């Protein structure tokens, strides 16, 4: 039976997976801020153990490094997936 996985890759090469580009998306967001003239940029994301959070943080840090910038707060802020 054909299967399509959404938001998480399948380990079966015969399956179809639709997954976000977490790393590229984070880079694009930081690039947009830098191109808009922002220089003090923080990164707030989900739990550190969640792969999407870690990958987004890596992308954000890579784009900041390419722009010659550091995080304004000196670190990535990991937290739970809540509004609080």
N, C-alpha and C. Protein backbone atom coordinates (compact mmCIF):
# COMPACT_ATOMS: atom_id res chain seq x y z
N UNK A 1 0.84 -1.17 0.00
CA UNK A 1 0.00 0.00 0.00
C UNK A 1 0.90 1.24 0.00
N UNK A 2 0.71 2.17 -0.93
CA UNK A 2 1.53 3.39 -0.95
C UNK A 2 1.38 4.19 0.34
N UNK A 3 2.50 4.71 0.82
CA UNK A 3 2.51 5.48 2.06
C UNK A 3 3.26 6.78 1.85
N UNK A 4 2.72 7.85 2.41
CA UNK A 4 3.41 9.14 2.40
C UNK A 4 3.55 9.60 3.84
N UNK A 5 4.78 9.86 4.24
CA UNK A 5 5.06 10.35 5.59
C UNK A 5 5.15 11.88 5.53
N UNK A 6 4.52 12.54 6.48
CA UNK A 6 4.57 14.00 6.54
C UNK A 6 5.30 14.43 7.81
N UNK A 7 6.22 15.36 7.67
CA UNK A 7 6.99 15.98 8.75
C UNK A 7 8.02 15.06 9.39
N UNK A 8 8.16 13.86 8.88
CA UNK A 8 9.18 12.95 9.38
C UNK A 8 9.54 11.97 8.28
N UNK A 9 10.83 11.74 8.04
CA UNK A 9 11.24 10.86 6.95
C UNK A 9 11.02 9.39 7.29
N UNK A 10 10.69 8.61 6.29
CA UNK A 10 10.58 7.16 6.43
C UNK A 10 11.97 6.56 6.20
N UNK A 11 12.21 5.43 6.81
CA UNK A 11 13.48 4.74 6.57
C UNK A 11 13.40 3.80 5.37
N UNK A 12 12.21 3.65 4.80
CA UNK A 12 12.01 2.79 3.64
C UNK A 12 12.15 3.62 2.37
N UNK A 13 13.13 3.32 1.52
CA UNK A 13 13.35 4.12 0.31
C UNK A 13 12.18 4.06 -0.68
N UNK A 14 11.28 3.10 -0.53
CA UNK A 14 10.12 3.02 -1.42
C UNK A 14 8.99 3.93 -0.97
N UNK A 15 9.06 4.47 0.24
CA UNK A 15 8.03 5.39 0.74
C UNK A 15 8.31 6.81 0.25
N UNK A 16 7.30 7.62 0.29
CA UNK A 16 7.42 9.05 -0.03
C UNK A 16 7.40 9.80 1.30
N UNK A 17 8.32 10.75 1.46
CA UNK A 17 8.37 11.57 2.67
C UNK A 17 8.32 13.04 2.27
N UNK A 18 7.51 13.80 2.96
CA UNK A 18 7.42 15.25 2.77
C UNK A 18 7.90 15.87 4.07
N UNK A 19 9.09 16.46 4.03
CA UNK A 19 9.69 16.99 5.26
C UNK A 19 10.16 18.44 5.04
N UNK A 20 10.11 19.24 6.09
CA UNK A 20 10.58 20.62 5.96
C UNK A 20 12.11 20.69 5.94
N UNK A 21 12.62 21.75 5.36
CA UNK A 21 14.06 22.01 5.36
C UNK A 21 14.34 22.89 6.57
N UNK A 22 14.49 22.27 7.73
CA UNK A 22 14.68 23.01 8.99
C UNK A 22 15.94 23.88 8.94
N UNK A 23 17.02 23.32 8.45
CA UNK A 23 18.30 24.05 8.40
C UNK A 23 18.20 25.23 7.43
N UNK A 24 17.70 24.96 6.24
CA UNK A 24 17.57 26.02 5.23
C UNK A 24 16.58 27.09 5.65
N UNK A 25 15.49 26.69 6.29
CA UNK A 25 14.50 27.66 6.75
C UNK A 25 15.07 28.60 7.80
N UNK A 26 15.84 28.06 8.71
CA UNK A 26 16.48 28.90 9.74
C UNK A 26 17.46 29.87 9.11
N UNK A 27 18.23 29.36 8.13
CA UNK A 27 19.18 30.24 7.45
C UNK A 27 18.46 31.37 6.73
N UNK A 28 17.36 31.04 6.05
CA UNK A 28 16.59 32.08 5.35
C UNK A 28 16.04 33.12 6.30
N UNK A 29 15.56 32.69 7.46
CA UNK A 29 15.02 33.63 8.44
C UNK A 29 16.10 34.59 8.93
N UNK A 30 17.27 34.04 9.26
CA UNK A 30 18.38 34.90 9.73
C UNK A 30 18.85 35.81 8.60
N UNK A 31 18.95 35.29 7.39
CA UNK A 31 19.37 36.10 6.25
C UNK A 31 18.42 37.28 6.05
N UNK A 32 17.13 37.01 6.17
CA UNK A 32 16.13 38.08 6.03
C UNK A 32 16.36 39.16 7.09
N UNK A 33 16.59 38.76 8.32
CA UNK A 33 16.82 39.74 9.38
C UNK A 33 18.08 40.56 9.11
N UNK A 34 19.15 39.89 8.70
CA UNK A 34 20.41 40.59 8.42
C UNK A 34 20.23 41.55 7.24
N UNK A 35 19.58 41.09 6.19
CA UNK A 35 19.36 41.95 5.02
C UNK A 35 18.41 43.11 5.33
N UNK A 36 17.64 42.97 6.40
CA UNK A 36 16.75 44.05 6.84
C UNK A 36 17.46 45.01 7.78
N UNK A 37 18.74 44.79 7.99
CA UNK A 37 19.53 45.70 8.81
C UNK A 37 19.65 45.30 10.27
N UNK A 38 19.10 44.17 10.65
CA UNK A 38 19.18 43.73 12.06
C UNK A 38 20.57 43.20 12.33
N UNK A 39 21.09 43.52 13.49
CA UNK A 39 22.42 43.04 13.89
C UNK A 39 22.38 42.35 15.25
N UNK A 40 21.37 42.62 16.06
CA UNK A 40 21.23 41.95 17.36
C UNK A 40 20.10 40.93 17.21
N UNK A 41 20.48 39.67 17.02
CA UNK A 41 19.53 38.61 16.71
C UNK A 41 19.66 37.50 17.75
N UNK A 42 18.52 37.09 18.28
CA UNK A 42 18.47 35.96 19.21
C UNK A 42 17.79 34.79 18.51
N UNK A 43 17.99 33.60 19.04
CA UNK A 43 17.32 32.41 18.49
C UNK A 43 16.63 31.67 19.63
N UNK A 44 15.30 31.60 19.53
CA UNK A 44 14.48 30.89 20.51
C UNK A 44 13.83 29.73 19.79
N UNK A 45 13.95 28.53 20.34
CA UNK A 45 13.44 27.33 19.66
C UNK A 45 12.89 26.34 20.67
N UNK A 46 12.52 25.18 20.20
CA UNK A 46 11.92 24.16 21.05
C UNK A 46 12.95 23.41 21.89
N UNK A 47 12.55 22.25 22.41
CA UNK A 47 13.43 21.47 23.28
C UNK A 47 14.72 21.04 22.58
N UNK A 48 15.81 21.07 23.31
CA UNK A 48 17.12 20.73 22.75
C UNK A 48 17.16 19.29 22.24
N UNK A 49 16.36 18.40 22.82
CA UNK A 49 16.38 17.00 22.41
C UNK A 49 15.56 16.75 21.14
N UNK A 50 14.82 17.74 20.69
CA UNK A 50 13.99 17.61 19.49
C UNK A 50 14.87 17.91 18.27
N UNK A 51 14.91 16.99 17.31
CA UNK A 51 15.84 17.14 16.18
C UNK A 51 15.58 18.43 15.39
N UNK A 52 14.32 18.82 15.19
CA UNK A 52 14.03 20.04 14.43
C UNK A 52 14.64 21.26 15.13
N UNK A 53 14.57 21.30 16.45
CA UNK A 53 15.13 22.43 17.20
C UNK A 53 16.64 22.51 17.01
N UNK A 54 17.30 21.37 17.13
CA UNK A 54 18.76 21.34 16.99
C UNK A 54 19.18 21.72 15.58
N UNK A 55 18.47 21.22 14.58
CA UNK A 55 18.81 21.52 13.19
C UNK A 55 18.57 23.00 12.88
N UNK A 56 17.47 23.56 13.38
CA UNK A 56 17.20 24.99 13.18
C UNK A 56 18.29 25.83 13.83
N UNK A 57 18.70 25.45 15.03
CA UNK A 57 19.76 26.19 15.73
C UNK A 57 21.06 26.15 14.93
N UNK A 58 21.40 24.98 14.38
CA UNK A 58 22.61 24.87 13.56
C UNK A 58 22.53 25.79 12.34
N UNK A 59 21.38 25.82 11.69
CA UNK A 59 21.20 26.68 10.52
C UNK A 59 21.31 28.15 10.87
N UNK A 60 20.68 28.53 11.97
CA UNK A 60 20.74 29.93 12.41
C UNK A 60 22.17 30.34 12.73
N UNK A 61 22.87 29.49 13.45
CA UNK A 61 24.26 29.81 13.81
C UNK A 61 25.15 29.88 12.57
N UNK A 62 24.92 28.99 11.62
CA UNK A 62 25.72 29.01 10.39
C UNK A 62 25.51 30.30 9.61
N UNK A 63 24.25 30.73 9.50
CA UNK A 63 23.97 31.96 8.76
C UNK A 63 24.52 33.18 9.47
N UNK A 64 24.42 33.20 10.80
CA UNK A 64 25.01 34.31 11.57
C UNK A 64 26.52 34.35 11.35
N UNK A 65 27.16 33.19 11.39
CA UNK A 65 28.61 33.14 11.19
C UNK A 65 28.98 33.66 9.81
N UNK A 66 28.21 33.27 8.79
CA UNK A 66 28.48 33.76 7.43
C UNK A 66 28.34 35.27 7.34
N UNK A 67 27.48 35.85 8.18
CA UNK A 67 27.27 37.30 8.19
C UNK A 67 28.24 38.01 9.14
N UNK A 68 29.12 37.23 9.80
CA UNK A 68 30.08 37.81 10.73
C UNK A 68 29.44 38.25 12.03
N UNK A 69 28.33 37.61 12.41
CA UNK A 69 27.61 37.99 13.63
C UNK A 69 27.56 36.83 14.61
N UNK A 70 27.34 37.17 15.88
CA UNK A 70 27.10 36.19 16.93
C UNK A 70 25.68 36.39 17.44
N UNK A 71 25.16 35.41 18.15
CA UNK A 71 23.86 35.58 18.78
C UNK A 71 23.92 36.71 19.81
N UNK A 72 22.92 37.55 19.82
CA UNK A 72 22.90 38.70 20.72
C UNK A 72 22.95 38.27 22.18
N UNK A 73 22.37 37.13 22.49
CA UNK A 73 22.32 36.67 23.88
C UNK A 73 23.45 35.70 24.21
N UNK A 74 24.27 35.38 23.22
CA UNK A 74 25.41 34.50 23.45
C UNK A 74 25.09 33.02 23.40
N UNK A 75 23.81 32.66 23.25
CA UNK A 75 23.45 31.25 23.20
C UNK A 75 22.09 31.08 22.55
N UNK A 76 21.81 29.86 22.11
CA UNK A 76 20.49 29.49 21.62
C UNK A 76 19.61 29.26 22.84
N UNK A 77 18.38 29.72 22.79
CA UNK A 77 17.44 29.53 23.89
C UNK A 77 16.50 28.38 23.55
N UNK A 78 16.73 27.23 24.17
CA UNK A 78 15.88 26.06 23.98
C UNK A 78 14.78 26.08 25.04
N UNK A 79 13.61 25.61 24.69
CA UNK A 79 12.51 25.56 25.65
C UNK A 79 11.42 24.62 25.15
N UNK A 80 10.34 24.56 25.89
CA UNK A 80 9.23 23.69 25.51
C UNK A 80 8.38 24.32 24.43
N UNK A 81 7.57 23.52 23.75
CA UNK A 81 6.69 23.98 22.68
C UNK A 81 5.42 24.57 23.28
N UNK A 82 5.53 25.67 24.01
CA UNK A 82 4.36 26.33 24.57
C UNK A 82 4.50 27.82 24.35
N UNK A 83 3.40 28.55 24.41
CA UNK A 83 3.47 30.00 24.30
C UNK A 83 4.24 30.59 25.49
N UNK A 84 4.10 30.00 26.64
CA UNK A 84 4.81 30.50 27.82
C UNK A 84 6.31 30.40 27.63
